[in-house]
Amino acid sequence: MDQRSSRPTRLHADPPPAPPSAVFHAVADVSSMGDRFELGIGRVEAGWRPFTDLFTDAGVLGQRIGDVAERLGTAEARVAASILFQKLASRLCSPLFGAAVVHGLLVELVPGRVHWRPAPDGVPPPLRTTDLAGWEIRDPARTAERMYHTVVPGLLEPLAEAVQGVVKIAPGLLWGNVASSLAGTVRALARVRPELTGAALALARELLDLGLLRDKGELAEPAPGHPFFIRRSCCLYYRARDGRKCGDCALEDPGALRDRWTRAVWESRGAR
């Protein structure tokens, strides 16, 4: 993988740091918006493992992929690896995205301080960090640059490389999964904080124009409050036992996509 392709535009001067109490409050608030936004803070107890184990121990990652394959009812390791990567990407990105949109705070995740533990149902695994820092940034372009720098080179690139070391899977598929998870985060945030849909779309569009996320899909708003995303790859979920093509899948029938678009417009007008 060409590491240069992962680097966004040059970072600006450091913004003002946010008080620790404001960072903790922001994360606690967005964690209450739903599972995908949840990020624990504090001391790690028995059962929690360093997130970096997934980069450095092929046995740990392989076991995790195997657990997901069993839950999905598939013998294809690449299907399980794809879904695991997508869920982890969502877990890493969504709390930071929510804090940025809702509170104007950019939260930093330091790889060595992030921990995970297996969830009873297999995916997605909860995350916890032992400490957090943050900055006050309200400009979508600057926020996107720093969020990308925090999550992609520091966490997702090493994870993607580790996954590809265990399972043969296309890198474009993995980064399409990240783009799709970001779009899902926009939709989830729009449901619980509809007044912030515009801000969420603005930040997501900036992120989807950076580095490895560029050209992985198109994020539109066919009607106010109804984000609509079409990716340029497939996560392979349709190959799982009870799987199907996702709503943003590149393999979806064009007629079905037009129906989704039309439904979003009608719902925005109060029609059902």
Protein backbone atom coordinates (compact mmCIF):
# COMPACT_ATOMS: atom_id res chain seq x y z
CA MET A 1 0.00 0.00 0.00
CA ASP A 2 1.31 3.47 -0.90
CA GLN A 3 1.40 5.19 2.45
CA ARG A 4 1.60 8.60 0.78
CA SER A 5 -1.94 8.17 -0.49
CA SER A 6 -3.25 8.13 3.07
CA ARG A 7 -2.02 11.58 3.96
CA PRO A 8 -4.54 14.43 3.83
CA THR A 9 -3.64 18.01 3.13
CA ARG A 10 -1.15 19.70 5.46
CA LEU A 11 -2.39 20.25 8.99
CA HIS A 12 -2.82 23.82 10.15
CA ALA A 13 -1.41 25.23 13.37
CA ASP A 14 -2.64 23.56 16.52
CA PRO A 15 -6.09 24.78 17.62
CA PRO A 16 -6.74 25.64 21.28
CA PRO A 17 -6.96 22.59 23.55
CA ALA A 18 -10.28 21.80 25.15
CA PRO A 19 -10.55 21.38 28.94
CA PRO A 20 -10.54 17.68 29.93
CA SER A 21 -13.95 18.10 31.55
CA ALA A 22 -15.40 19.36 28.24
CA VAL A 23 -13.92 16.40 26.36
CA PHE A 24 -15.32 13.88 28.84
CA HIS A 25 -18.73 15.57 28.76
CA ALA A 26 -18.82 15.56 24.96
CA VAL A 27 -17.92 11.87 24.74
CA ALA A 28 -20.43 10.94 27.44
CA ASP A 29 -23.14 12.90 25.66
CA VAL A 30 -22.58 11.37 22.22
CA SER A 31 -22.22 7.91 23.78
CA SER A 32 -25.83 8.26 24.90
CA MET A 33 -26.97 8.63 21.26
CA GLY A 34 -26.60 4.91 20.50
CA ASP A 35 -24.24 1.95 20.50
CA ARG A 36 -22.22 3.06 17.49
CA PHE A 37 -21.30 6.33 19.28
CA GLU A 38 -20.33 4.68 22.56
CA LEU A 39 -16.79 5.11 23.82
CA GLY A 40 -15.85 4.21 27.38
CA ILE A 41 -13.35 6.30 29.32
CA GLY A 42 -11.40 5.21 32.36
CA ARG A 43 -9.46 2.36 33.87
CA VAL A 44 -9.47 -0.90 31.94
CA GLU A 45 -10.35 -4.03 33.87
CA ALA A 46 -10.00 -7.74 33.25
CA GLY A 47 -11.20 -8.79 29.82
CA TRP A 48 -10.08 -5.64 28.01
CA ARG A 49 -7.25 -5.97 25.49
CA PRO A 50 -5.06 -3.34 23.80
CA PHE A 51 -6.44 -2.40 20.40
CA THR A 52 -2.91 -2.71 19.04
CA ASP A 53 -3.12 -6.49 19.60
CA LEU A 54 -5.24 -6.58 16.46
CA PHE A 55 -2.31 -5.07 14.52
CA THR A 56 0.52 -7.09 15.95
CA ASP A 57 -0.87 -10.55 16.75
CA ALA A 58 -2.20 -12.42 13.72
CA GLY A 59 -3.55 -15.10 16.03
CA VAL A 60 -5.74 -12.63 17.92
CA LEU A 61 -7.04 -11.07 14.71
CA GLY A 62 -7.58 -14.45 13.08
CA GLN A 63 -9.58 -15.68 16.07
CA ARG A 64 -11.70 -12.57 15.96
CA ILE A 65 -12.38 -13.05 12.25
CA GLY A 66 -13.28 -16.67 12.95
CA ASP A 67 -15.73 -15.64 15.66
CA VAL A 68 -17.45 -13.23 13.28
CA ALA A 69 -17.57 -15.89 10.54
CA GLU A 70 -19.32 -18.26 12.93
CA ARG A 71 -21.85 -15.61 13.91
CA LEU A 72 -22.53 -14.74 10.26
CA GLY A 73 -22.77 -18.37 9.25
CA THR A 74 -20.16 -18.15 6.52
CA ALA A 75 -17.13 -20.22 5.60
CA GLU A 76 -15.62 -17.27 3.72
CA ALA A 77 -13.05 -15.57 5.91
CA ARG A 78 -13.01 -12.48 3.68
CA VAL A 79 -16.71 -11.87 4.38
CA ALA A 80 -16.12 -11.99 8.13
CA ALA A 81 -12.96 -9.87 7.83
CA SER A 82 -14.84 -7.24 5.85
CA ILE A 83 -17.68 -6.98 8.37
CA LEU A 84 -15.32 -6.93 11.34
CA PHE A 85 -13.25 -4.15 9.78
CA GLN A 86 -16.36 -2.12 9.01
CA LYS A 87 -17.71 -2.46 12.54
CA LEU A 88 -14.37 -1.50 14.07
CA ALA A 89 -14.13 1.49 11.74
CA SER A 90 -17.55 2.62 12.88
CA ARG A 91 -16.63 2.18 16.53
CA LEU A 92 -13.49 4.28 16.06
CA CYS A 93 -14.96 7.03 13.88
CA SER A 94 -18.47 7.57 15.22
CA PRO A 95 -17.69 8.92 18.73
CA LEU A 96 -15.16 11.37 17.30
CA PHE A 97 -17.53 12.40 14.53
CA GLY A 98 -20.37 12.91 16.99
CA ALA A 99 -18.25 14.99 19.38
CA ALA A 100 -17.09 17.18 16.50
CA VAL A 101 -20.58 17.81 15.11
CA VAL A 102 -22.50 18.11 18.38
CA HIS A 103 -19.91 19.86 20.56
CA GLY A 104 -17.34 21.36 18.19
CA LEU A 105 -14.60 19.29 19.84
CA LEU A 106 -12.08 17.13 18.05
CA VAL A 107 -11.21 14.16 20.26
CA GLU A 108 -7.84 12.44 19.91
CA LEU A 109 -7.57 8.65 20.13
CA VAL A 110 -4.06 7.47 20.97
CA PRO A 111 -3.58 3.87 19.72
CA GLY A 112 -1.74 2.75 22.84
CA ARG A 113 -4.59 3.93 25.08
CA VAL A 114 -7.47 2.30 23.19
CA HIS A 115 -8.76 -1.09 24.37
CA TRP A 116 -11.41 -3.54 23.16
CA ARG A 117 -13.11 -6.63 24.45
CA PRO A 118 -15.18 -9.32 22.72
CA ALA A 119 -18.92 -8.68 22.74
CA PRO A 120 -21.31 -11.54 23.54
CA ASP A 121 -22.89 -11.40 20.08
CA GLY A 122 -19.57 -11.24 18.24
CA VAL A 123 -19.71 -7.73 16.76
CA PRO A 124 -19.26 -4.87 17.22
CA PRO A 125 -16.74 -4.94 20.08
CA PRO A 126 -16.97 -2.12 22.61
CA LEU A 127 -14.02 0.25 22.95
CA ARG A 128 -12.55 2.02 25.95
CA THR A 129 -9.74 4.53 26.27
CA THR A 130 -7.76 5.30 29.38
CA ASP A 131 -7.39 9.00 28.61
CA LEU A 132 -8.60 11.58 26.12
CA ALA A 133 -7.48 14.95 24.85
CA GLY A 134 -9.31 17.28 22.50
CA TRP A 135 -9.26 20.59 20.68
CA GLU A 136 -11.86 23.21 19.95
CA ILE A 137 -12.40 23.21 16.18
CA ARG A 138 -15.55 24.26 14.36
CA ASP A 139 -14.36 24.52 10.76
CA PRO A 140 -15.34 21.30 8.89
CA ALA A 141 -12.21 21.25 6.69
CA ARG A 142 -9.79 21.60 9.62
CA THR A 143 -11.77 19.12 11.71
CA ALA A 144 -11.75 16.59 8.87
CA GLU A 145 -7.99 16.87 8.37
CA ARG A 146 -7.23 16.24 12.02
CA MET A 147 -9.84 13.53 12.45
CA TYR A 148 -8.47 11.73 9.40
CA HIS A 149 -4.93 12.02 10.78
CA THR A 150 -6.04 10.64 14.14
CA VAL A 151 -8.08 7.68 12.88
CA VAL A 152 -6.69 6.59 9.52
CA PRO A 153 -2.86 6.51 9.77
CA GLY A 154 -2.90 5.82 13.50
CA LEU A 155 -5.56 3.11 13.74
CA LEU A 156 -7.27 2.01 10.54
CA GLU A 157 -4.26 1.69 8.23
CA PRO A 158 -2.41 -0.68 10.57
CA LEU A 159 -5.64 -2.63 11.05
CA ALA A 160 -6.24 -2.85 7.29
CA GLU A 161 -2.70 -4.09 6.70
CA ALA A 162 -3.12 -6.69 9.45
CA VAL A 163 -6.42 -7.89 7.98
CA GLN A 164 -4.82 -8.22 4.55
CA GLY A 165 -2.04 -10.23 6.14
CA VAL A 166 -4.57 -12.78 7.43
CA VAL A 167 -7.15 -12.78 4.61
CA LYS A 168 -6.88 -12.01 0.92
CA ILE A 169 -9.17 -9.02 0.52
CA ALA A 170 -9.11 -5.94 -1.72
CA PRO A 171 -7.96 -2.73 -0.01
CA GLY A 172 -10.56 -0.72 -1.94
CA LEU A 173 -13.27 -2.84 -0.32
CA LEU A 174 -11.92 -2.07 3.16
CA TRP A 175 -11.76 1.68 2.58
CA GLY A 176 -15.19 1.56 0.99
CA ASN A 177 -16.33 0.04 4.29
CA VAL A 178 -14.93 3.05 6.16
CA ALA A 179 -16.73 5.43 3.82
CA SER A 180 -19.95 3.47 4.26
CA SER A 181 -19.60 3.49 8.04
CA LEU A 182 -19.15 7.27 7.99
CA ALA A 183 -22.31 7.63 5.94
CA GLY A 184 -24.12 5.38 8.42
CA THR A 185 -22.92 7.62 11.23
CA VAL A 186 -24.35 10.66 9.43
CA ARG A 187 -27.72 8.94 9.11
CA ALA A 188 -27.68 7.83 12.75
CA LEU A 189 -26.83 11.33 13.96
CA ALA A 190 -29.51 12.85 11.72
CA ARG A 191 -32.13 10.65 13.37
CA VAL A 192 -31.30 11.71 16.93
CA ARG A 193 -30.13 15.29 16.29
CA PRO A 194 -31.94 16.28 13.06
CA GLU A 195 -31.06 19.95 13.52
CA LEU A 196 -27.38 18.99 12.99
CA THR A 197 -27.84 17.07 9.74
CA GLY A 198 -26.32 19.87 7.68
CA ALA A 199 -23.23 20.06 9.89
CA ALA A 200 -22.86 16.27 9.81
CA LEU A 201 -23.07 16.21 6.01
CA ALA A 202 -20.51 19.00 5.70
CA LEU A 203 -17.97 17.19 7.87
CA ALA A 204 -18.57 13.83 6.21
CA ARG A 205 -18.08 15.30 2.75
CA GLU A 206 -14.76 16.81 3.82
CA LEU A 207 -13.63 13.46 5.24
CA LEU A 208 -14.70 11.58 2.12
CA ASP A 209 -12.49 13.85 0.03
CA LEU A 210 -9.30 12.94 1.90
CA GLY A 211 -6.63 10.33 1.20
CA LEU A 212 -7.79 6.73 1.22
CA LEU A 213 -11.45 7.75 1.55
CA ARG A 214 -11.52 9.77 -1.65
CA ASP A 215 -13.70 8.42 -4.49
CA LYS A 216 -15.16 5.60 -2.37
CA GLY A 217 -18.74 6.77 -2.83
CA GLU A 218 -21.12 9.67 -3.16
CA LEU A 219 -22.92 11.30 -0.23
CA ALA A 220 -26.00 13.30 -1.19
CA GLU A 221 -29.12 14.74 0.45
CA PRO A 222 -32.04 14.19 -1.93
CA ALA A 223 -34.36 15.75 0.63
CA PRO A 224 -33.70 17.76 3.81
CA GLY A 225 -32.70 15.49 6.66
CA HIS A 226 -32.34 12.39 4.47
CA PRO A 227 -28.66 11.62 3.75
CA PHE A 228 -28.18 9.21 0.86
CA PHE A 229 -24.93 7.36 0.14
CA ILE A 230 -23.91 5.05 -2.68
CA ARG A 231 -20.55 3.33 -2.39
CA ARG A 232 -18.37 2.12 -5.24
CA SER A 233 -17.68 -1.31 -3.76
CA CYS A 234 -19.44 -4.08 -1.83
CA CYS A 235 -18.84 -5.19 1.77
CA LEU A 236 -19.76 -8.82 0.87
CA TYR A 237 -22.46 -9.06 3.54
CA TYR A 238 -24.85 -10.53 0.97
CA ARG A 239 -22.68 -13.67 1.00
CA ALA A 240 -23.37 -14.33 4.71
CA ARG A 241 -26.02 -16.92 5.72
CA ASP A 242 -28.79 -14.39 6.30
CA GLY A 243 -27.09 -11.57 4.44
CA ARG A 244 -28.38 -9.20 1.80
CA LYS A 245 -27.19 -6.31 -0.29
CA CYS A 246 -26.94 -3.20 1.84
CA GLY A 247 -28.82 -0.05 0.93
CA ASP A 248 -25.67 1.71 -0.29
CA CYS A 249 -24.21 -1.26 -2.19
CA ALA A 250 -22.67 -0.71 -5.63
CA LEU A 251 -24.29 -4.00 -6.69
CA GLU A 252 -27.80 -2.84 -5.81
CA ASP A 253 -30.33 -2.72 -8.64
CA PRO A 254 -30.58 0.82 -10.09
CA GLY A 255 -34.36 0.67 -9.80
CA ALA A 256 -34.13 0.01 -6.07
CA LEU A 257 -31.77 2.96 -5.69
CA ARG A 258 -34.23 5.23 -7.51
CA ASP A 259 -36.99 3.99 -5.21
CA ARG A 260 -34.92 4.88 -2.14
CA TRP A 261 -34.24 8.34 -3.54
CA THR A 262 -37.91 8.92 -4.31
CA ARG A 263 -38.97 7.66 -0.87
CA ALA A 264 -36.59 10.11 0.82
CA VAL A 265 -38.08 13.01 -1.12
CA TRP A 266 -41.66 11.95 -0.35
CA GLU A 267 -40.95 11.44 3.35
CA SER A 268 -39.46 14.93 3.54
CA ARG A 269 -42.82 16.25 2.32
CA GLY A 270 -44.78 14.36 4.94
CA ALA A 271 -45.97 11.62 2.56
CA ARG A 272 -45.90 7.90 3.45
